[in-house]
Amino acid sequence: MIIRNLKDILGTASEVRAPNGNWESRRLLTRDDNMGFSMNDTIIKAGSVNHLWYKNHLEAVYCISGNGQIEDLATGIIHQIEPGVLYALDKNDKHILRGGTADMRMVCVFYPALRGDEVHDEDGSYPPPDKG
């Protein structure tokens, strides 16, 4: 059984920040936990614009506070995000995630699991699971 408390992760190497300051991701479960998926408690900063493409991972995201929007770059459709909204990138969807007027707090699940130290590369993705 794995038991973790967010307060024990804050300020450690498991709290990863975007170099541009757009997000903070607290890596609650990582590849080393051998669950097959990883789970993050992530803050998307208000007003931020994040061009993302998880070409090597599937992701499901559940908003628990704040607001923003996600734009599907294949269709141009924009969906509003607020507490209670889930979105799943089931086709490795290219998207833009925009922070709204208040920081969004999200629970993010990745498959395959993240190592835990990743930041987005130039195309908005994380490296394949067999790298690093």
N, C-alpha and C. Protein backbone atom coordinates (compact mmCIF):
# COMPACT_ATOMS: atom_id res chain seq x y z
N MET A 1 0.85 -1.18 0.00
CA MET A 1 0.00 0.00 0.00
C MET A 1 0.89 1.24 0.00
N ILE A 2 0.51 2.21 -0.79
CA ILE A 2 1.25 3.47 -0.87
C ILE A 2 0.39 4.56 -0.24
N ILE A 3 0.96 5.28 0.69
CA ILE A 3 0.29 6.41 1.32
C ILE A 3 1.18 7.63 1.14
N ARG A 4 0.63 8.70 0.59
CA ARG A 4 1.39 9.93 0.41
C ARG A 4 0.52 11.10 0.85
N ASN A 5 1.18 12.14 1.33
CA ASN A 5 0.49 13.37 1.69
C ASN A 5 1.12 14.50 0.89
N LEU A 6 0.31 15.32 0.26
CA LEU A 6 0.80 16.41 -0.56
C LEU A 6 1.79 17.28 0.20
N LYS A 7 1.53 17.53 1.47
CA LYS A 7 2.42 18.42 2.23
C LYS A 7 3.84 17.86 2.32
N ASP A 8 3.99 16.54 2.19
CA ASP A 8 5.32 15.94 2.23
C ASP A 8 6.05 16.03 0.89
N ILE A 9 5.33 16.37 -0.17
CA ILE A 9 5.91 16.49 -1.51
C ILE A 9 6.33 17.92 -1.80
N LEU A 10 5.59 18.88 -1.25
CA LEU A 10 5.89 20.29 -1.50
C LEU A 10 7.32 20.62 -1.11
N GLY A 11 8.02 21.30 -2.02
CA GLY A 11 9.38 21.71 -1.75
C GLY A 11 10.44 20.64 -1.97
N THR A 12 10.03 19.49 -2.52
CA THR A 12 10.99 18.41 -2.80
C THR A 12 11.17 18.28 -4.32
N ALA A 13 12.01 17.35 -4.73
CA ALA A 13 12.22 17.09 -6.16
C ALA A 13 10.95 16.58 -6.84
N SER A 14 9.98 16.13 -6.08
CA SER A 14 8.70 15.66 -6.64
C SER A 14 7.74 16.79 -6.94
N GLU A 15 8.12 18.01 -6.63
CA GLU A 15 7.33 19.19 -7.01
C GLU A 15 8.08 19.85 -8.18
N VAL A 16 7.56 19.65 -9.38
CA VAL A 16 8.22 20.09 -10.60
C VAL A 16 7.53 21.35 -11.11
N ARG A 17 8.33 22.32 -11.52
CA ARG A 17 7.79 23.58 -12.04
C ARG A 17 8.22 23.79 -13.49
N ALA A 18 7.32 24.37 -14.28
CA ALA A 18 7.65 24.73 -15.66
C ALA A 18 8.70 25.83 -15.64
N PRO A 19 9.69 25.73 -16.51
CA PRO A 19 10.70 26.78 -16.59
C PRO A 19 10.11 28.18 -16.82
N ASN A 20 8.96 28.25 -17.53
CA ASN A 20 8.33 29.54 -17.80
C ASN A 20 7.35 29.97 -16.71
N GLY A 21 7.19 29.16 -15.66
CA GLY A 21 6.31 29.50 -14.55
C GLY A 21 4.84 29.27 -14.77
N ASN A 22 4.45 28.63 -15.89
CA ASN A 22 3.03 28.43 -16.20
C ASN A 22 2.33 27.37 -15.36
N TRP A 23 3.08 26.45 -14.79
CA TRP A 23 2.46 25.35 -14.03
C TRP A 23 3.40 24.81 -12.97
N GLU A 24 2.80 24.14 -12.00
CA GLU A 24 3.51 23.37 -10.97
C GLU A 24 2.84 22.01 -10.92
N SER A 25 3.64 20.96 -10.85
CA SER A 25 3.09 19.60 -10.83
C SER A 25 3.69 18.84 -9.67
N ARG A 26 2.82 18.40 -8.78
CA ARG A 26 3.26 17.62 -7.62
C ARG A 26 3.05 16.16 -7.96
N ARG A 27 4.14 15.43 -8.14
CA ARG A 27 4.10 14.06 -8.63
C ARG A 27 3.82 13.10 -7.47
N LEU A 28 2.57 12.71 -7.36
CA LEU A 28 2.11 11.86 -6.26
C LEU A 28 2.46 10.39 -6.47
N LEU A 29 2.27 9.91 -7.68
CA LEU A 29 2.65 8.55 -8.07
C LEU A 29 3.51 8.66 -9.32
N THR A 30 4.58 7.90 -9.39
CA THR A 30 5.47 7.92 -10.55
C THR A 30 5.75 6.50 -11.02
N ARG A 31 6.52 6.40 -12.08
CA ARG A 31 6.86 5.10 -12.65
C ARG A 31 7.45 4.15 -11.60
N ASP A 32 8.26 4.68 -10.69
CA ASP A 32 8.89 3.85 -9.67
C ASP A 32 7.90 3.19 -8.72
N ASP A 33 6.66 3.67 -8.69
CA ASP A 33 5.64 3.07 -7.82
C ASP A 33 5.02 1.82 -8.45
N ASN A 34 5.35 1.54 -9.71
CA ASN A 34 4.90 0.31 -10.39
C ASN A 34 3.39 0.13 -10.42
N MET A 35 2.67 1.23 -10.63
CA MET A 35 1.21 1.15 -10.75
C MET A 35 0.76 1.10 -12.21
N GLY A 36 1.67 1.37 -13.15
CA GLY A 36 1.32 1.39 -14.56
C GLY A 36 0.85 2.77 -15.03
N PHE A 37 0.54 3.66 -14.12
CA PHE A 37 0.14 5.03 -14.41
C PHE A 37 0.78 5.94 -13.38
N SER A 38 0.77 7.23 -13.66
CA SER A 38 1.23 8.20 -12.66
C SER A 38 0.11 9.18 -12.38
N MET A 39 0.20 9.85 -11.22
CA MET A 39 -0.83 10.80 -10.82
C MET A 39 -0.16 12.05 -10.28
N ASN A 40 -0.65 13.20 -10.75
CA ASN A 40 -0.11 14.49 -10.35
C ASN A 40 -1.21 15.38 -9.79
N ASP A 41 -0.85 16.22 -8.87
CA ASP A 41 -1.68 17.33 -8.40
C ASP A 41 -1.04 18.56 -9.04
N THR A 42 -1.72 19.16 -10.02
CA THR A 42 -1.10 20.19 -10.86
C THR A 42 -1.84 21.51 -10.74
N ILE A 43 -1.07 22.58 -10.69
CA ILE A 43 -1.61 23.94 -10.71
C ILE A 43 -1.26 24.56 -12.06
N ILE A 44 -2.29 25.01 -12.77
CA ILE A 44 -2.12 25.76 -14.02
C ILE A 44 -2.36 27.23 -13.65
N LYS A 45 -1.36 28.05 -13.89
CA LYS A 45 -1.42 29.44 -13.46
C LYS A 45 -2.46 30.24 -14.26
N ALA A 46 -3.17 31.11 -13.55
CA ALA A 46 -4.16 31.98 -14.18
C ALA A 46 -3.49 32.79 -15.29
N GLY A 47 -4.18 32.89 -16.42
CA GLY A 47 -3.68 33.67 -17.54
C GLY A 47 -2.61 33.00 -18.38
N SER A 48 -2.16 31.82 -18.00
CA SER A 48 -1.10 31.15 -18.76
C SER A 48 -1.67 30.53 -20.04
N VAL A 49 -0.79 30.35 -21.02
CA VAL A 49 -1.13 29.68 -22.27
C VAL A 49 -0.12 28.57 -22.47
N ASN A 50 -0.61 27.34 -22.58
CA ASN A 50 0.24 26.15 -22.62
C ASN A 50 -0.07 25.34 -23.87
N HIS A 51 0.86 25.29 -24.82
CA HIS A 51 0.73 24.49 -26.03
C HIS A 51 1.27 23.10 -25.72
N LEU A 52 0.40 22.09 -25.73
CA LEU A 52 0.76 20.75 -25.27
C LEU A 52 0.39 19.69 -26.29
N TRP A 53 1.17 18.63 -26.28
CA TRP A 53 0.90 17.48 -27.14
C TRP A 53 1.56 16.27 -26.50
N TYR A 54 0.78 15.48 -25.78
CA TYR A 54 1.32 14.29 -25.13
C TYR A 54 1.32 13.14 -26.14
N LYS A 55 2.24 13.21 -27.09
CA LYS A 55 2.31 12.22 -28.15
C LYS A 55 2.78 10.86 -27.66
N ASN A 56 3.38 10.81 -26.47
CA ASN A 56 3.89 9.56 -25.91
C ASN A 56 3.08 9.05 -24.72
N HIS A 57 2.02 9.76 -24.38
CA HIS A 57 1.22 9.42 -23.20
C HIS A 57 -0.26 9.71 -23.46
N LEU A 58 -1.11 9.02 -22.73
CA LEU A 58 -2.52 9.37 -22.63
C LEU A 58 -2.68 10.08 -21.29
N GLU A 59 -3.59 11.05 -21.23
CA GLU A 59 -3.78 11.80 -19.99
C GLU A 59 -5.26 12.01 -19.74
N ALA A 60 -5.66 11.87 -18.48
CA ALA A 60 -6.99 12.25 -18.02
C ALA A 60 -6.80 13.31 -16.94
N VAL A 61 -7.63 14.36 -17.00
CA VAL A 61 -7.48 15.51 -16.11
C VAL A 61 -8.84 15.85 -15.50
N TYR A 62 -8.85 16.04 -14.19
CA TYR A 62 -10.07 16.40 -13.47
C TYR A 62 -9.82 17.70 -12.72
N CYS A 63 -10.61 18.72 -13.00
CA CYS A 63 -10.46 20.03 -12.37
C CYS A 63 -11.15 20.04 -11.01
N ILE A 64 -10.40 20.47 -9.99
CA ILE A 64 -11.01 20.57 -8.66
C ILE A 64 -11.16 22.01 -8.17
N SER A 65 -10.46 22.95 -8.82
CA SER A 65 -10.69 24.36 -8.50
C SER A 65 -10.14 25.24 -9.62
N GLY A 66 -10.60 26.49 -9.64
CA GLY A 66 -10.16 27.45 -10.65
C GLY A 66 -10.95 27.33 -11.93
N ASN A 67 -10.42 27.94 -12.99
CA ASN A 67 -11.11 27.92 -14.27
C ASN A 67 -10.13 28.15 -15.40
N GLY A 68 -10.58 27.78 -16.59
CA GLY A 68 -9.76 27.95 -17.79
C GLY A 68 -10.46 27.33 -18.97
N GLN A 69 -9.67 26.99 -19.98
CA GLN A 69 -10.25 26.36 -21.15
C GLN A 69 -9.20 25.51 -21.86
N ILE A 70 -9.70 24.54 -22.62
CA ILE A 70 -8.84 23.71 -23.44
C ILE A 70 -9.35 23.81 -24.88
N GLU A 71 -8.39 24.00 -25.80
CA GLU A 71 -8.71 24.07 -27.21
C GLU A 71 -8.15 22.85 -27.91
N ASP A 72 -9.00 22.12 -28.59
CA ASP A 72 -8.60 20.97 -29.40
C ASP A 72 -8.07 21.52 -30.72
N LEU A 73 -6.78 21.37 -30.96
CA LEU A 73 -6.18 21.96 -32.16
C LEU A 73 -6.59 21.24 -33.44
N ALA A 74 -7.09 20.03 -33.36
CA ALA A 74 -7.56 19.32 -34.55
C ALA A 74 -8.90 19.88 -35.03
N THR A 75 -9.74 20.34 -34.11
CA THR A 75 -11.08 20.79 -34.46
C THR A 75 -11.29 22.29 -34.25
N GLY A 76 -10.46 22.91 -33.42
CA GLY A 76 -10.65 24.32 -33.07
C GLY A 76 -11.70 24.53 -31.99
N ILE A 77 -12.30 23.45 -31.52
CA ILE A 77 -13.34 23.56 -30.48
C ILE A 77 -12.68 23.89 -29.15
N ILE A 78 -13.29 24.85 -28.44
CA ILE A 78 -12.81 25.27 -27.12
C ILE A 78 -13.83 24.83 -26.08
N HIS A 79 -13.34 24.18 -25.04
CA HIS A 79 -14.19 23.72 -23.94
C HIS A 79 -13.80 24.49 -22.67
N GLN A 80 -14.80 24.90 -21.94
CA GLN A 80 -14.56 25.59 -20.67
C GLN A 80 -14.23 24.56 -19.58
N ILE A 81 -13.31 24.92 -18.73
CA ILE A 81 -12.93 24.05 -17.62
C ILE A 81 -13.25 24.77 -16.32
N GLU A 82 -13.88 24.04 -15.42
CA GLU A 82 -14.23 24.53 -14.09
C GLU A 82 -14.30 23.31 -13.18
N PRO A 83 -14.43 23.51 -11.88
CA PRO A 83 -14.50 22.36 -10.99
C PRO A 83 -15.59 21.38 -11.40
N GLY A 84 -15.22 20.10 -11.41
CA GLY A 84 -16.13 19.05 -11.81
C GLY A 84 -15.98 18.60 -13.25
N VAL A 85 -15.19 19.32 -14.05
CA VAL A 85 -15.00 18.96 -15.46
C VAL A 85 -13.79 18.04 -15.59
N LEU A 86 -13.96 16.96 -16.35
CA LEU A 86 -12.89 16.05 -16.70
C LEU A 86 -12.67 16.12 -18.21
N TYR A 87 -11.43 16.09 -18.62
CA TYR A 87 -11.13 15.87 -20.04
C TYR A 87 -10.09 14.78 -20.14
N ALA A 88 -10.19 13.99 -21.21
CA ALA A 88 -9.26 12.89 -21.44
C ALA A 88 -8.69 13.03 -22.84
N LEU A 89 -7.38 13.03 -22.91
CA LEU A 89 -6.66 13.14 -24.19
C LEU A 89 -6.42 11.71 -24.69
N ASP A 90 -7.48 11.12 -25.22
CA ASP A 90 -7.48 9.71 -25.59
C ASP A 90 -6.89 9.43 -26.97
N LYS A 91 -6.55 10.49 -27.70
CA LYS A 91 -5.97 10.33 -29.03
C LYS A 91 -4.67 11.12 -29.13
N ASN A 92 -3.96 11.27 -28.01
CA ASN A 92 -2.72 12.05 -27.99
C ASN A 92 -2.95 13.44 -28.61
N ASP A 93 -4.07 14.03 -28.24
CA ASP A 93 -4.54 15.26 -28.86
C ASP A 93 -3.61 16.45 -28.64
N LYS A 94 -3.28 17.15 -29.73
CA LYS A 94 -2.61 18.44 -29.61
C LYS A 94 -3.64 19.44 -29.08
N HIS A 95 -3.22 20.26 -28.11
CA HIS A 95 -4.19 21.17 -27.50
C HIS A 95 -3.49 22.39 -26.90
N ILE A 96 -4.29 23.39 -26.62
CA ILE A 96 -3.83 24.56 -25.87
C ILE A 96 -4.66 24.60 -24.60
N LEU A 97 -3.97 24.63 -23.48
CA LEU A 97 -4.60 24.74 -22.17
C LEU A 97 -4.36 26.15 -21.67
N ARG A 98 -5.44 26.88 -21.44
CA ARG A 98 -5.35 28.27 -21.00
C ARG A 98 -5.86 28.40 -19.58
N GLY A 99 -5.05 29.04 -18.75
CA GLY A 99 -5.51 29.37 -17.41
C GLY A 99 -6.49 30.53 -17.49
N GLY A 100 -7.50 30.49 -16.65
CA GLY A 100 -8.52 31.55 -16.66
C GLY A 100 -8.18 32.65 -15.68
N THR A 101 -9.19 33.08 -14.93
CA THR A 101 -9.02 34.19 -13.99
C THR A 101 -8.51 33.73 -12.63
N ALA A 102 -8.54 32.44 -12.39
CA ALA A 102 -8.04 31.87 -11.13
C ALA A 102 -7.22 30.63 -11.46
N ASP A 103 -6.13 30.41 -10.73
CA ASP A 103 -5.33 29.21 -10.95
C ASP A 103 -6.23 27.98 -10.95
N MET A 104 -5.96 27.07 -11.89
CA MET A 104 -6.69 25.80 -11.91
C MET A 104 -5.89 24.76 -11.14
N ARG A 105 -6.56 24.01 -10.30
CA ARG A 105 -5.95 22.86 -9.64
C ARG A 105 -6.56 21.62 -10.26
N MET A 106 -5.67 20.75 -10.77
CA MET A 106 -6.10 19.60 -11.54
C MET A 106 -5.48 18.32 -10.98
N VAL A 107 -6.21 17.24 -11.05
CA VAL A 107 -5.67 15.92 -10.79
C VAL A 107 -5.44 15.29 -12.15
N CYS A 108 -4.18 14.93 -12.45
CA CYS A 108 -3.79 14.44 -13.77
C CYS A 108 -3.26 13.01 -13.65
N VAL A 109 -3.75 12.15 -14.52
CA VAL A 109 -3.30 10.75 -14.57
C VAL A 109 -2.69 10.51 -15.94
N PHE A 110 -1.46 9.97 -15.97
CA PHE A 110 -0.76 9.69 -17.21
C PHE A 110 -0.52 8.18 -17.36
N TYR A 111 -0.71 7.72 -18.60
CA TYR A 111 -0.36 6.35 -18.98
C TYR A 111 0.43 6.42 -20.27
N PRO A 112 1.56 5.76 -20.36
CA PRO A 112 2.28 5.11 -19.28
C PRO A 112 2.77 6.14 -18.24
N ALA A 113 3.17 5.60 -17.11
CA ALA A 113 3.56 6.44 -15.98
C ALA A 113 4.75 7.34 -16.31
N LEU A 114 4.73 8.53 -15.72
CA LEU A 114 5.87 9.45 -15.82
C LEU A 114 6.95 9.03 -14.83
N ARG A 115 8.19 9.34 -15.18
CA ARG A 115 9.31 9.15 -14.24
C ARG A 115 9.11 10.01 -13.01
N GLY A 116 8.67 11.27 -13.26
CA GLY A 116 8.40 12.19 -12.17
C GLY A 116 9.18 13.48 -12.24
N ASP A 117 10.19 13.56 -13.11
CA ASP A 117 10.99 14.78 -13.21
C ASP A 117 10.79 15.51 -14.53
N GLU A 118 9.88 15.06 -15.36
CA GLU A 118 9.72 15.60 -16.70
C GLU A 118 9.20 17.04 -16.69
N VAL A 119 9.67 17.78 -17.68
CA VAL A 119 9.07 19.05 -18.10
C VAL A 119 8.83 18.93 -19.60
N HIS A 120 7.96 19.76 -20.14
CA HIS A 120 7.60 19.66 -21.55
C HIS A 120 8.78 20.01 -22.44
N ASP A 121 8.90 19.28 -23.56
CA ASP A 121 9.94 19.61 -24.53
C ASP A 121 9.40 20.66 -25.50
N GLU A 122 10.13 20.92 -26.57
CA GLU A 122 9.78 22.02 -27.49
C GLU A 122 8.43 21.83 -28.17
N ASP A 123 7.94 20.59 -28.30
CA ASP A 123 6.63 20.39 -28.94
C ASP A 123 5.51 20.19 -27.92
N GLY A 124 5.81 20.40 -26.64
CA GLY A 124 4.79 20.31 -25.60
C GLY A 124 4.55 18.92 -25.08
N SER A 125 5.47 18.01 -25.34
CA SER A 125 5.29 16.62 -24.88
C SER A 125 6.30 16.27 -23.80
N TYR A 126 6.09 15.12 -23.21
CA TYR A 126 7.07 14.51 -22.32
C TYR A 126 7.78 13.42 -23.13
N PRO A 127 9.03 13.08 -22.78
CA PRO A 127 9.74 12.05 -23.54
C PRO A 127 9.05 10.69 -23.43
N PRO A 128 9.33 9.81 -24.40
CA PRO A 128 8.78 8.45 -24.32
C PRO A 128 9.20 7.78 -23.01
N PRO A 129 8.39 6.85 -22.53
CA PRO A 129 8.67 6.24 -21.23
C PRO A 129 10.00 5.48 -21.17
N ASP A 130 10.54 5.06 -22.30
CA ASP A 130 11.79 4.31 -22.29
C ASP A 130 13.01 5.23 -22.33
N LYS A 131 12.82 6.54 -22.36
CA LYS A 131 13.93 7.50 -22.38
C LYS A 131 14.15 8.04 -20.97
N GLY A 132 15.40 8.15 -20.58
CA GLY A 132 15.75 8.75 -19.30
C GLY A 132 15.52 7.87 -18.17
